Amino acid sequence: MSSAFVPIRVSDWTKIALVRGKRISHILIADRNLLFRRGLRSLLSAESDFRIVEEASDAMETLAKVRLTTPDVLVMDLSLIEEAA
């Protein structure tokens, strides 16, 4: 199965916040499965250097939220891209 992946410029890497001397990575989670998103949020939130800024359930919502929040990291189910095409 061949699919084209178009990278999305999610942010300038210099936008990583400094909180109490630590680098905080802002993360957006994109997956259609709510239970998966909640589980991943729970796991990542336990780490002091990660902050979940937003969640999305489809490709169009992901694009909109990336533009609004400019996360440092996008954790995305790539099948969302195929659905949008």
C-alpha atoms as a PDB file:
ATOM      1  CA  MET A   1       0.000   0.000   0.000  1.00  0.00           C
ATOM      2  CA  SER A   2       1.504   3.280  -1.080  1.00  0.00           C
ATOM      3  CA  SER A   3       0.388   6.589   0.351  1.00  0.00           C
ATOM      4  CA  ALA A   4       1.891  10.020   0.127  1.00  0.00           C
ATOM      5  CA  PHE A   5       2.642  11.732   3.415  1.00  0.00           C
ATOM      6  CA  VAL A   6       2.663  15.487   3.355  1.00  0.00           C
ATOM      7  CA  PRO A   7       4.505  16.887   6.380  1.00  0.00           C
ATOM      8  CA  ILE A   8       2.739  19.671   8.213  1.00  0.00           C
ATOM      9  CA  ARG A   9       4.843  22.432   9.666  1.00  0.00           C
ATOM     10  CA  VAL A  10       3.455  22.407  13.182  1.00  0.00           C
ATOM     11  CA  SER A  11       5.718  24.913  14.848  1.00  0.00           C
ATOM     12  CA  ASP A  12       9.036  26.567  15.090  1.00  0.00           C
ATOM     13  CA  TRP A  13      11.151  24.434  17.447  1.00  0.00           C
ATOM     14  CA  THR A  14      12.173  27.568  19.337  1.00  0.00           C
ATOM     15  CA  LYS A  15       8.640  27.794  20.784  1.00  0.00           C
ATOM     16  CA  ILE A  16       9.346  25.180  23.448  1.00  0.00           C
ATOM     17  CA  ALA A  17       8.445  26.834  26.746  1.00  0.00           C
ATOM     18  CA  LEU A  18      10.752  26.994  29.725  1.00  0.00           C
ATOM     19  CA  VAL A  19       8.988  26.195  32.977  1.00  0.00           C
ATOM     20  CA  ARG A  20      11.020  25.912  36.184  1.00  0.00           C
ATOM     21  CA  GLY A  21      14.147  25.420  34.105  1.00  0.00           C
ATOM     22  CA  LYS A  22      12.689  22.507  32.132  1.00  0.00           C
ATOM     23  CA  ARG A  23      11.799  22.341  28.469  1.00  0.00           C
ATOM     24  CA  ILE A  24       8.083  21.688  28.076  1.00  0.00           C
ATOM     25  CA  SER A  25       6.951  20.065  24.826  1.00  0.00           C
ATOM     26  CA  HIS A  26       3.435  21.008  23.755  1.00  0.00           C
ATOM     27  CA  ILE A  27       1.655  18.022  22.191  1.00  0.00           C
ATOM     28  CA  LEU A  28      -1.439  17.623  20.032  1.00  0.00           C
ATOM     29  CA  ILE A  29      -2.972  14.120  19.863  1.00  0.00           C
ATOM     30  CA  ALA A  30      -4.953  13.239  16.720  1.00  0.00           C
ATOM     31  CA  ASP A  31      -6.776   9.921  16.574  1.00  0.00           C
ATOM     32  CA  ARG A  32     -10.398   8.990  15.878  1.00  0.00           C
ATOM     33  CA  ASN A  33     -10.518   6.690  18.924  1.00  0.00           C
ATOM     34  CA  LEU A  34     -11.506   8.670  22.029  1.00  0.00           C
ATOM     35  CA  LEU A  35     -10.376   5.936  24.420  1.00  0.00           C
ATOM     36  CA  PHE A  36      -6.909   5.867  22.805  1.00  0.00           C
ATOM     37  CA  ARG A  37      -6.617   9.676  23.024  1.00  0.00           C
ATOM     38  CA  ARG A  38      -7.602   9.667  26.692  1.00  0.00           C
ATOM     39  CA  GLY A  39      -5.170   6.860  27.502  1.00  0.00           C
ATOM     40  CA  LEU A  40      -2.300   8.543  25.697  1.00  0.00           C
ATOM     41  CA  ARG A  41      -3.150  11.872  27.347  1.00  0.00           C
ATOM     42  CA  SER A  42      -3.067  10.168  30.743  1.00  0.00           C
ATOM     43  CA  LEU A  43       0.317   8.549  30.064  1.00  0.00           C
ATOM     44  CA  LEU A  44       1.943  11.674  28.637  1.00  0.00           C
ATOM     45  CA  SER A  45       0.483  13.989  31.281  1.00  0.00           C
ATOM     46  CA  ALA A  46       2.293  11.986  33.953  1.00  0.00           C
ATOM     47  CA  GLU A  47       5.574  13.339  32.551  1.00  0.00           C
ATOM     48  CA  SER A  48       6.464  16.807  33.795  1.00  0.00           C
ATOM     49  CA  ASP A  49       8.060  17.873  30.510  1.00  0.00           C
ATOM     50  CA  PHE A  50       4.974  17.170  28.340  1.00  0.00           C
ATOM     51  CA  ARG A  51       1.836  19.285  28.091  1.00  0.00           C
ATOM     52  CA  ILE A  52      -1.135  18.137  26.008  1.00  0.00           C
ATOM     53  CA  VAL A  53      -2.476  21.290  24.386  1.00  0.00           C
ATOM     54  CA  GLU A  54      -5.277  19.788  22.311  1.00  0.00           C
ATOM     55  CA  GLU A  55      -6.907  16.674  20.857  1.00  0.00           C
ATOM     56  CA  ALA A  56      -8.511  16.063  17.476  1.00  0.00           C
ATOM     57  CA  SER A  57     -10.576  13.235  15.993  1.00  0.00           C
ATOM     58  CA  ASP A  58     -10.208  13.798  12.238  1.00  0.00           C
ATOM     59  CA  ALA A  59      -7.871  15.360   9.683  1.00  0.00           C
ATOM     60  CA  MET A  60      -9.722  18.653   9.236  1.00  0.00           C
ATOM     61  CA  GLU A  61     -10.007  19.196  12.998  1.00  0.00           C
ATOM     62  CA  THR A  62      -6.309  18.361  13.335  1.00  0.00           C
ATOM     63  CA  LEU A  63      -5.321  20.980  10.754  1.00  0.00           C
ATOM     64  CA  ALA A  64      -7.458  23.633  12.423  1.00  0.00           C
ATOM     65  CA  LYS A  65      -6.075  22.897  15.891  1.00  0.00           C
ATOM     66  CA  VAL A  66      -2.466  22.763  14.647  1.00  0.00           C
ATOM     67  CA  ARG A  67      -2.912  26.250  13.209  1.00  0.00           C
ATOM     68  CA  LEU A  68      -4.410  27.538  16.462  1.00  0.00           C
ATOM     69  CA  THR A  69      -2.107  25.905  19.008  1.00  0.00           C
ATOM     70  CA  THR A  70       1.182  25.428  17.089  1.00  0.00           C
ATOM     71  CA  PRO A  71       2.244  22.336  19.069  1.00  0.00           C
ATOM     72  CA  ASP A  72       5.845  21.164  19.218  1.00  0.00           C
ATOM     73  CA  VAL A  73       4.799  17.543  18.645  1.00  0.00           C
ATOM     74  CA  LEU A  74       1.893  16.075  16.674  1.00  0.00           C
ATOM     75  CA  VAL A  75       0.999  12.475  17.558  1.00  0.00           C
ATOM     76  CA  MET A  76      -1.301  11.472  14.702  1.00  0.00           C
ATOM     77  CA  ASP A  77      -2.945   8.355  13.359  1.00  0.00           C
ATOM     78  CA  LEU A  78      -1.816   8.568   9.726  1.00  0.00           C
ATOM     79  CA  SER A  79      -4.974   6.835   8.527  1.00  0.00           C
ATOM     80  CA  LEU A  80      -6.733  10.140   9.220  1.00  0.00           C
ATOM     81  CA  ILE A  81      -4.881  11.595   6.236  1.00  0.00           C
ATOM     82  CA  GLU A  82      -6.092   8.794   3.965  1.00  0.00           C
ATOM     83  CA  GLU A  83      -9.688   9.406   5.036  1.00  0.00           C
ATOM     84  CA  ALA A  84      -9.421  13.099   4.198  1.00  0.00           C
ATOM     85  CA  ALA A  85      -8.124  12.430   0.687  1.00  0.00           C
END
